[in-house]
Amino acid sequence: ASSTAVGRHLHPLLSHPTTRSPCFTRELPGKMRNLLLCLHLGLVTSQVPASRDRAAWLALGEPERMSRFLDLAPRLGIACPKVGVSSFVYPQLGRRLRGAVALADVEPMEELCVVPESQLISLLTLRNTTLEPLNNLRIDGRPLRGWIKSLWEAIAISVFIIRESARPFSVFTPYIHSSFNGHDPASIPKTWSQNSTKFAGLSPPVQQLVQNWQSQVRAVYQVFFFKVVEKYLPAFSEGGVCGPSIGSCLRFYSIQRLMDVLAVVQAREWSLRMHGAERQFLAPLIDLLNYGQMGVRVGFDNARRVFIAVARKRIAKGDEILFYYGSFCIDHALLTYGFVPEGSRECRKPQQRSRPKAAASNVPHR
């Protein structure tokens, strides 16, 4: 694939006084790990108050937002000195895709990218915000189980992103309004209307997968999303994003908006062992790596409290940096990512469930 580099030097964002970290919007659990994480988050983000101004980010074009995020990354604790962003031509797709490019030669066993835990978005992130009750949610006193529990965990992260993306100032504004919002949900078949010509062009098995996914999301939304919003309305409306009525917040967290954000979350999320458990999370910059096999390995270092990508082979300056997501079958790859990686196999019956990046392959972690 050929590439066109995105410029990196832009006018500064509008400055604004620092605001409190979401870590301090509610009483923290009495665990030193959470306290240290929040202290680190507050100290790091207090150094870059201008980065949290939503209006300033929206005033920039998409390439400028990504370039600005690259400039801010080191001050957010993200160390990816040889990673940039380019636009790559994929002839088999007939379009360009945004991806990561090597700004300089990368040697074997060199750390490509290091992202601190404070910059990851996961259910652990929610524990230190007013949306903490969405963790381990219970409906009518009963815990969620099976596919409902798994889907709800991704929905909870999606709700957090929807809320933070609308707040005038947020710790996660830089990532959300650059990398995450740069991923077009319309490119993911999960979001396609079943009455659209695009949906009609899918194979019957993929159409069935889309229908199943949309039905599951709608079922969760219709059965108990109202109850959750009603019970935790102050958390859902925090920052003035909606409210004060329940109807206002339900319109803000609409089923279509939720589906769009959820589809992007599931296309970008990683799954690795972190603090003794398998967890799904979003990781700035590292999640720009498109699909391919070039010896990049990832893992979460519990001692350093960072997510790391390491090059096992030499990567030349100017090359696109790729990551092998795992072994996917054709239908699920198309459902989740909107494209079919080279070498994908036919799906077995019954349809296999798709998995996040890294969970689907034998990826070493620490």
Foldseek 3Di string as FASTA:
>chain_A
DAKDFQDQDDDAADADQADQALLPQDDAPPDVVSVVLRVLLRVLLNVPRRLFALVRLVVDDQSHLQSPLVVCQVSNVKDQVQKGWIWADDVVVRGIAIFIFGQAKDAAFDWRIKFFLSQKQFLSVCSSHLLVCLPQPADPNHTDDDPLNVLSRLLSSLLVLLQSSQARGHSNVSQSSHPLVVDFLVLALLLDDCPDPVLVPDDPVLNVVSVVVLVSLVCSCVPPVLVVCVVSVCRSCPRNSFDPDSVGSCVSVDSSSSSSSSLSQQLQWDWADEPHDTTIIHTPPVSRAAADDQQWFWAADRVRNIITIGHNHMDHGGDTHHDHQAAAAQSQCCNRPSHGDPPHHHADPPGDHDDGGPVRDPGDYD
